[in-house]
Amino acid sequence: MKALRPVWAEVDLGAVRHNTSRLAALARPGTVCAVVKANGYGHGAVPVARAALDGGARWLGVALVEEGVELRDAGIEAPVLVLSEPPLDAMEEVVSRRLTPTIYTEAGVDAAAKAVADAGVDERLSVHVKVDTGMHRVGAAPEAALGLADAVNRRPELRLAALWTHLAVADEPDNDFTDQQLERFERVRLTLQRRGVLPDLVHAANSAGLIAHPASRYNFVRCGIAIYGIDPAPELAGRVDLRPAMSLKARVSYVKELPPGDRVSYGLRYTVDDHTVVATVPIGYADGVTRRLSVSGGQVLIGGRRHPIAGTVTMDQLMVDCGPDADVAPGDEVVLLGRQANDEVTAQEWADRLDTIAYEVVCGIGPRVPRVYL
């Protein structure tokens, strides 16, 4: 059924292609892996994946086997890296869908090898061994990673295609912990090299690593947030020419005039100081417009001008104080994220108001908001 509610998110695939091409130029001669996990950070995994590949990415990254399956079901044939070790009983699907698993346990090595043997395929399964160099989320400790690399090489069903790690504070350019992580990673890589183990790919850089830490680039980089046109951190803004890919829009559904002293929405926490026009917009916290914007100064664009959110954001609707002389009518476009006329509301602006990161803002735009691809 076509969308009936006047709410939508526009995703500019041209911006995705542009961002990817700029990141690929920075990474060259290395390879870009475009991370499209979490439904492409809320933008739509399949359309973003295709646009990123058109823009110069050669690999795609996902968090879940199911996300890799979605790409394969859409006919995407590019290599797909699963960024965490899959559940052991998912290795059969990894093999059948030609995904590349991350490995960091002996059980993972055994399960991957068994899945290949059970499938009866002749080709070895490429795996990427992950080293925990200090973030302590997932990955094998450095000494354990050396043993895992040996274990992979002993299995005729497997091929050690890559060694990698993840940086915890790459988005803090002056934090020397990134250098410490890279030093730990280099010790593992060089030890393997002395043993004659030379993986084709070595990677440590996420978007922030690529932009701020050239030593982390190696020959493969994993770009997530920057693909979508969002700087990994405010400190890195402007270092690469990025264009935001997502805009969040709606249309005014109802307009009313209120006298001074009237109060608006749940809790009656917003008091109208003067005669004003209040517009209702049919989008709310169930769509990712968090209630906290109500009290942190959230604004929207109508007619090219900023107006404050008036009162508590509700599940399906919010109100906007348009001022006493506003020429606002049902059907007028409302921009919650994106540009209108000469002004722009960015995901980073929301993040600053909400004391979070822009990643959470775009990932939080809910599934009942239709995506429109430009």
Protein backbone atom coordinates (compact mmCIF):
# COMPACT_ATOMS: atom_id res chain seq x y z
CA MET A 1 0.00 0.00 0.00
CA LYS A 2 1.29 3.46 -0.82
CA ALA A 3 2.14 5.78 2.04
CA LEU A 4 -0.84 7.87 3.11
CA ARG A 5 0.65 9.84 5.99
CA PRO A 6 2.57 12.94 4.80
CA VAL A 7 5.85 11.94 6.43
CA TRP A 8 8.94 10.70 4.63
CA ALA A 9 12.73 10.51 4.67
CA GLU A 10 14.52 11.46 1.50
CA VAL A 11 17.76 9.59 0.85
CA ASP A 12 20.04 11.17 -1.71
CA LEU A 13 21.89 8.30 -3.35
CA GLY A 14 23.94 10.80 -5.33
CA ALA A 15 25.30 12.04 -2.01
CA VAL A 16 26.21 8.46 -1.05
CA ARG A 17 28.08 8.01 -4.33
CA HIS A 18 29.83 11.36 -3.86
CA ASN A 19 30.86 10.61 -0.27
CA THR A 20 32.14 7.17 -1.19
CA SER A 21 34.20 8.54 -4.05
CA ARG A 22 35.81 11.13 -1.78
CA LEU A 23 36.61 8.53 0.86
CA ALA A 24 37.95 6.12 -1.77
CA ALA A 25 40.26 8.84 -3.05
CA LEU A 26 41.58 9.37 0.49
CA ALA A 27 42.05 5.62 1.04
CA ARG A 28 43.73 4.96 -2.30
CA PRO A 29 45.46 2.63 -3.08
CA GLY A 30 43.54 0.85 -0.33
CA THR A 31 40.07 -0.63 -0.69
CA VAL A 32 36.91 0.88 0.80
CA CYS A 33 34.43 -1.35 2.60
CA ALA A 34 31.11 0.52 2.88
CA VAL A 35 29.41 -0.43 6.14
CA VAL A 36 25.66 -0.85 5.56
CA LYS A 37 24.69 -2.51 8.84
CA ALA A 38 21.55 -1.46 10.74
CA ASN A 39 19.65 -1.00 7.48
CA GLY A 40 22.35 1.27 6.15
CA TYR A 41 22.36 3.39 9.33
CA GLY A 42 18.66 3.91 8.77
CA HIS A 43 19.03 4.93 5.13
CA GLY A 44 18.22 1.56 3.54
CA ALA A 45 20.89 -1.11 3.18
CA VAL A 46 20.28 -2.28 -0.37
CA PRO A 47 19.98 1.11 -2.13
CA VAL A 48 22.92 2.49 -0.15
CA ALA A 49 25.03 -0.57 -0.91
CA ARG A 50 24.45 -0.19 -4.63
CA ALA A 51 25.20 3.54 -4.53
CA ALA A 52 28.38 3.01 -2.49
CA LEU A 53 29.61 0.36 -4.92
CA ASP A 54 28.91 2.77 -7.77
CA GLY A 55 30.93 5.37 -5.87
CA GLY A 56 34.02 3.21 -5.57
CA ALA A 57 33.53 0.86 -2.63
CA ARG A 58 34.60 -2.71 -3.35
CA TRP A 59 33.36 -4.43 -0.18
CA LEU A 60 30.30 -4.13 2.04
CA GLY A 61 30.21 -4.55 5.82
CA VAL A 62 27.33 -5.84 7.95
CA ALA A 63 26.85 -6.70 11.61
CA LEU A 64 24.58 -9.71 11.18
CA VAL A 65 24.45 -12.71 8.90
CA GLU A 66 20.82 -11.76 8.23
CA GLU A 67 21.99 -8.41 6.88
CA GLY A 68 24.36 -10.16 4.51
CA VAL A 69 21.56 -12.45 3.36
CA GLU A 70 19.43 -9.40 2.58
CA LEU A 71 22.16 -8.08 0.28
CA ARG A 72 22.54 -11.42 -1.47
CA ASP A 73 18.76 -11.78 -1.88
CA ALA A 74 18.79 -8.37 -3.59
CA GLY A 75 21.30 -9.68 -6.13
CA ILE A 76 24.36 -7.89 -4.76
CA GLU A 77 27.47 -9.96 -5.48
CA ALA A 78 30.20 -7.81 -3.92
CA PRO A 79 32.22 -9.31 -1.05
CA VAL A 80 30.40 -8.91 2.27
CA LEU A 81 32.27 -8.87 5.58
CA VAL A 82 30.36 -9.85 8.74
CA LEU A 83 31.96 -7.57 11.31
CA SER A 84 31.44 -9.81 14.36
CA GLU A 85 31.96 -13.55 14.62
CA PRO A 86 28.66 -15.17 13.57
CA PRO A 87 26.84 -17.52 15.93
CA LEU A 88 28.27 -21.00 15.46
CA ASP A 89 25.04 -22.36 14.01
CA ALA A 90 24.98 -19.53 11.45
CA MET A 91 28.20 -20.65 9.74
CA GLU A 92 26.27 -22.86 7.31
CA GLU A 93 24.42 -19.76 6.07
CA VAL A 94 27.70 -17.85 5.89
CA VAL A 95 29.14 -20.48 3.57
CA SER A 96 26.03 -20.89 1.42
CA ARG A 97 25.66 -17.11 0.98
CA ARG A 98 29.37 -16.57 0.28
CA LEU A 99 29.81 -14.16 3.17
CA THR A 100 33.18 -13.48 4.80
CA PRO A 101 33.11 -14.04 8.56
CA THR A 102 35.14 -12.35 11.23
CA ILE A 103 36.72 -14.92 13.55
CA TYR A 104 38.10 -14.46 17.06
CA THR A 105 37.53 -17.79 18.86
CA GLU A 106 38.71 -21.36 18.41
CA ALA A 107 35.06 -22.41 18.34
CA GLY A 108 34.51 -20.02 15.46
CA VAL A 109 37.40 -21.56 13.53
CA ASP A 110 36.02 -25.05 14.08
CA ALA A 111 32.46 -24.09 13.15
CA ALA A 112 33.54 -22.29 9.98
CA ALA A 113 35.69 -25.23 8.87
CA LYS A 114 32.90 -27.71 9.58
CA ALA A 115 30.39 -25.64 7.61
CA VAL A 116 32.69 -25.69 4.59
CA ALA A 117 33.27 -29.44 4.89
CA ASP A 118 29.56 -30.13 5.31
CA ALA A 119 28.75 -28.03 2.25
CA GLY A 120 31.15 -30.09 0.17
CA VAL A 121 32.63 -27.04 -1.56
CA ASP A 122 36.14 -27.10 -2.93
CA GLU A 123 36.90 -23.42 -2.42
CA ARG A 124 38.37 -22.35 0.91
CA LEU A 125 36.34 -19.92 3.01
CA SER A 126 38.14 -16.62 3.51
CA VAL A 127 38.05 -15.41 7.10
CA HIS A 128 39.19 -12.20 8.80
CA VAL A 129 40.82 -12.66 12.22
CA LYS A 130 40.09 -9.78 14.57
CA VAL A 131 42.53 -8.61 17.24
CA ASP A 132 41.34 -6.84 20.38
CA THR A 133 43.92 -4.09 20.81
CA GLY A 134 42.15 -2.30 23.64
CA MET A 135 38.52 -1.55 22.87
CA HIS A 136 37.48 -4.79 24.62
CA ARG A 137 34.21 -5.31 22.78
CA VAL A 138 35.05 -8.34 20.63
CA GLY A 139 38.24 -9.75 19.20
CA ALA A 140 41.01 -12.06 20.34
CA ALA A 141 43.72 -10.79 22.65
CA PRO A 142 46.99 -10.29 20.74
CA GLU A 143 48.62 -13.54 21.87
CA ALA A 144 45.41 -15.48 21.24
CA ALA A 145 45.11 -13.91 17.78
CA LEU A 146 48.49 -15.33 16.84
CA GLY A 147 47.26 -18.80 17.80
CA LEU A 148 44.01 -18.29 15.90
CA ALA A 149 45.89 -17.32 12.75
CA ASP A 150 47.87 -20.54 13.05
CA ALA A 151 44.66 -22.50 13.63
CA VAL A 152 43.07 -21.04 10.51
CA ASN A 153 46.13 -21.88 8.43
CA ARG A 154 46.03 -25.48 9.67
CA ARG A 155 42.48 -25.98 8.38
CA PRO A 156 42.30 -26.95 4.70
CA GLU A 157 38.76 -25.54 4.54
CA LEU A 158 39.80 -22.02 5.56
CA ARG A 159 41.98 -19.22 4.29
CA LEU A 160 43.36 -16.39 6.43
CA ALA A 161 42.41 -13.48 4.19
CA ALA A 162 42.78 -10.61 6.63
CA LEU A 163 43.92 -9.40 10.03
CA TRP A 164 42.10 -6.51 11.60
CA THR A 165 41.27 -4.45 14.66
CA HIS A 166 38.90 -1.65 15.65
CA LEU A 167 39.85 1.75 17.04
CA ALA A 168 38.10 2.99 20.16
CA VAL A 169 38.89 6.72 20.03
CA ALA A 170 39.78 7.45 16.42
CA ASP A 171 37.21 10.25 16.52
CA GLU A 172 39.35 12.01 19.16
CA PRO A 173 42.31 13.14 17.05
CA ASP A 174 44.49 14.14 19.99
CA ASN A 175 43.96 10.97 22.03
CA ASP A 176 47.17 8.92 21.96
CA PHE A 177 45.31 5.67 22.70
CA THR A 178 44.89 5.20 18.95
CA ASP A 179 48.67 5.09 18.58
CA GLN A 180 48.84 2.53 21.39
CA GLN A 181 46.27 0.35 19.64
CA LEU A 182 48.12 0.54 16.34
CA GLU A 183 51.39 -0.37 18.06
CA ARG A 184 49.77 -3.47 19.59
CA PHE A 185 48.27 -4.39 16.24
CA GLU A 186 51.58 -3.90 14.46
CA ARG A 187 53.32 -6.29 16.88
CA VAL A 188 50.82 -9.00 15.95
CA ARG A 189 51.08 -8.29 12.24
CA LEU A 190 54.88 -8.27 12.24
CA THR A 191 55.06 -11.48 14.30
CA LEU A 192 52.88 -13.20 11.73
CA GLN A 193 54.95 -11.72 8.92
CA ARG A 194 58.13 -13.18 10.44
CA ARG A 195 56.37 -16.56 10.46
CA GLY A 196 55.61 -16.16 6.77
CA VAL A 197 51.93 -15.41 7.32
CA LEU A 198 50.94 -12.56 5.03
CA PRO A 199 47.18 -11.93 4.86
CA ASP A 200 46.03 -10.17 1.71
CA LEU A 201 44.20 -7.52 3.69
CA VAL A 202 45.09 -5.62 6.86
CA HIS A 203 42.63 -3.13 8.31
CA ALA A 204 42.13 -0.92 11.34
CA ALA A 205 40.53 2.29 10.08
CA ASN A 206 36.90 3.21 10.47
CA SER A 207 35.66 6.54 9.04
CA ALA A 208 37.45 8.53 11.73
CA GLY A 209 40.60 6.47 11.36
CA LEU A 210 40.69 7.05 7.62
CA ILE A 211 40.23 10.78 8.03
CA ALA A 212 42.39 11.50 11.07
CA HIS A 213 44.97 8.68 11.37
CA PRO A 214 46.81 7.87 8.11
CA ALA A 215 48.81 5.11 9.83
CA SER A 216 45.60 3.16 10.37
CA ARG A 217 44.66 2.95 6.69
CA TYR A 218 46.75 -0.05 5.65
CA ASN A 219 45.20 -1.46 2.45
CA PHE A 220 41.53 -1.67 3.49
CA VAL A 221 39.27 0.78 5.34
CA ARG A 222 35.79 0.32 6.79
CA CYS A 223 33.72 3.45 6.25
CA GLY A 224 30.37 3.72 7.98
CA ILE A 225 29.03 7.09 9.10
CA ALA A 226 31.01 9.12 6.56
CA ILE A 227 29.36 7.21 3.69
CA TYR A 228 26.13 8.85 4.80
CA GLY A 229 27.60 12.34 4.77
CA ILE A 230 28.02 12.76 8.52
CA ASP A 231 31.36 13.67 10.05
CA PRO A 232 32.51 11.03 12.57
CA ALA A 233 32.94 13.79 15.15
CA PRO A 234 32.56 17.57 15.19
CA GLU A 235 36.35 17.85 15.49
CA LEU A 236 36.68 16.22 12.05
CA ALA A 237 34.12 18.40 10.30
CA GLY A 238 35.22 19.70 6.92
CA ARG A 239 38.28 17.49 6.50
CA VAL A 240 36.50 15.59 3.73
CA ASP A 241 33.83 17.01 1.43
CA LEU A 242 30.79 15.08 2.66
CA ARG A 243 27.14 15.63 1.78
CA PRO A 244 24.37 14.49 4.17
CA ALA A 245 22.30 11.81 2.48
CA MET A 246 19.16 11.88 4.64
CA SER A 247 16.46 14.51 5.04
CA LEU A 248 13.42 14.00 7.26
CA LYS A 249 10.28 15.78 6.12
CA ALA A 250 6.56 16.03 6.78
CA ARG A 251 3.62 18.27 6.00
CA VAL A 252 1.58 20.37 8.37
CA SER A 253 -1.63 18.49 9.18
CA TYR A 254 -3.49 21.08 11.27
CA VAL A 255 -3.22 24.74 12.25
CA LYS A 256 -4.76 26.62 15.16
CA GLU A 257 -4.44 30.05 16.77
CA LEU A 258 -3.84 30.27 20.51
CA PRO A 259 -4.09 33.22 22.87
CA PRO A 260 -1.43 34.20 25.42
CA GLY A 261 -1.30 31.88 28.41
CA ASP A 262 -2.60 28.73 26.69
CA ARG A 263 -0.51 25.63 27.20
CA VAL A 264 0.36 22.90 24.73
CA SER A 265 0.66 19.09 24.66
CA TYR A 266 1.07 16.44 27.38
CA GLY A 267 2.01 17.87 30.75
CA LEU A 268 1.07 21.39 29.60
CA ARG A 269 4.73 22.32 29.93
CA TYR A 270 4.83 24.79 27.04
CA THR A 271 3.06 28.11 27.65
CA VAL A 272 2.25 30.47 24.79
CA ASP A 273 3.57 33.91 25.74
CA ASP A 274 1.78 35.84 23.02
CA HIS A 275 -0.94 35.28 20.47
CA THR A 276 0.53 32.69 18.11
CA VAL A 277 -0.10 30.15 15.37
CA VAL A 278 0.59 26.55 16.31
CA ALA A 279 1.00 23.90 13.61
CA THR A 280 0.57 20.16 14.18
CA VAL A 281 2.96 17.86 12.33
CA PRO A 282 2.08 14.14 12.04
CA ILE A 283 5.38 12.67 13.23
CA GLY A 284 6.49 11.74 16.73
CA TYR A 285 8.72 9.71 18.96
CA ALA A 286 7.54 6.42 17.42
CA ASP A 287 9.25 7.69 14.27
CA GLY A 288 12.51 8.67 15.95
CA VAL A 289 11.76 12.28 16.88
CA THR A 290 12.65 11.84 20.50
CA ARG A 291 10.71 13.50 23.33
CA ARG A 292 13.91 15.07 24.59
CA LEU A 293 13.85 17.49 21.67
CA SER A 294 10.85 19.04 23.41
CA VAL A 295 12.98 20.32 26.27
CA SER A 296 16.34 20.78 24.56
CA GLY A 297 15.38 23.46 22.05
CA GLY A 298 14.46 21.34 19.05
CA GLN A 299 13.52 23.33 15.96
CA VAL A 300 12.07 22.64 12.53
CA LEU A 301 12.00 24.56 9.26
CA ILE A 302 8.74 25.79 7.75
CA GLY A 303 8.77 28.30 4.93
CA GLY A 304 12.54 28.57 5.20
CA ARG A 305 12.38 29.79 8.80
CA ARG A 306 13.20 28.07 12.10
CA HIS A 307 10.41 27.49 14.57
CA PRO A 308 10.56 25.78 17.98
CA ILE A 309 8.87 22.52 18.84
CA ALA A 310 6.02 23.53 21.17
CA GLY A 311 5.53 21.21 24.10
CA THR A 312 6.04 17.50 24.50
CA VAL A 313 6.62 15.43 21.36
CA THR A 314 3.90 12.76 21.34
CA MET A 315 4.01 9.29 19.84
CA ASP A 316 2.59 10.24 16.46
CA GLN A 317 2.52 14.03 16.35
CA LEU A 318 4.29 17.17 17.48
CA MET A 319 3.39 20.84 17.60
CA VAL A 320 5.35 23.82 16.33
CA ASP A 321 5.08 27.43 17.52
CA CYS A 322 5.10 29.40 14.28
CA GLY A 323 4.71 32.86 15.79
CA PRO A 324 1.95 35.49 15.69
CA ASP A 325 2.27 36.49 12.04
CA ALA A 326 2.93 33.08 10.51
CA ASP A 327 1.48 32.28 7.12
CA VAL A 328 1.22 28.53 7.69
CA ALA A 329 -1.38 26.16 6.29
CA PRO A 330 -2.05 22.42 6.20
CA GLY A 331 0.09 20.84 3.52
CA ASP A 332 3.10 23.11 4.02
CA GLU A 333 6.43 21.28 4.04
CA VAL A 334 8.17 20.80 7.37
CA VAL A 335 11.87 19.90 7.43
CA LEU A 336 13.02 18.19 10.62
CA LEU A 337 16.39 17.13 9.22
CA GLY A 338 17.83 18.65 6.09
CA ARG A 339 17.84 21.90 4.16
CA GLN A 340 15.03 24.29 3.31
CA ALA A 341 15.74 27.61 1.60
CA ASN A 342 18.95 28.95 3.17
CA ASP A 343 18.88 27.08 6.46
CA GLU A 344 19.63 23.50 7.50
CA VAL A 345 18.94 21.28 10.50
CA THR A 346 21.61 18.61 10.73
CA ALA A 347 21.82 15.28 12.50
CA GLN A 348 24.74 16.72 14.44
CA GLU A 349 22.51 19.56 15.68
CA TRP A 350 20.05 17.00 17.02
CA ALA A 351 22.92 15.05 18.55
CA ASP A 352 24.22 18.15 20.31
CA ARG A 353 20.78 18.91 21.71
CA LEU A 354 20.29 15.31 22.83
CA ASP A 355 23.81 14.74 24.22
CA THR A 356 24.38 11.83 21.86
CA ILE A 357 26.02 11.17 18.49
CA ALA A 358 24.69 11.72 14.99
CA TYR A 359 24.87 7.97 14.35
CA GLU A 360 22.06 7.41 16.85
CA VAL A 361 19.93 10.13 15.27
CA VAL A 362 19.84 8.66 11.75
CA CYS A 363 19.70 5.04 12.94
CA GLY A 364 16.72 6.01 15.10
CA ILE A 365 14.47 7.17 12.27
CA GLY A 366 11.82 4.48 12.53
CA PRO A 367 10.71 1.91 9.97
CA ARG A 368 7.24 3.39 9.58
CA VAL A 369 8.81 6.47 7.98
CA PRO A 370 8.89 5.70 4.22
CA ARG A 371 12.26 6.17 2.52
CA VAL A 372 12.16 8.02 -0.78
CA TYR A 373 15.27 7.56 -2.91
CA LEU A 374 16.56 10.43 -5.02
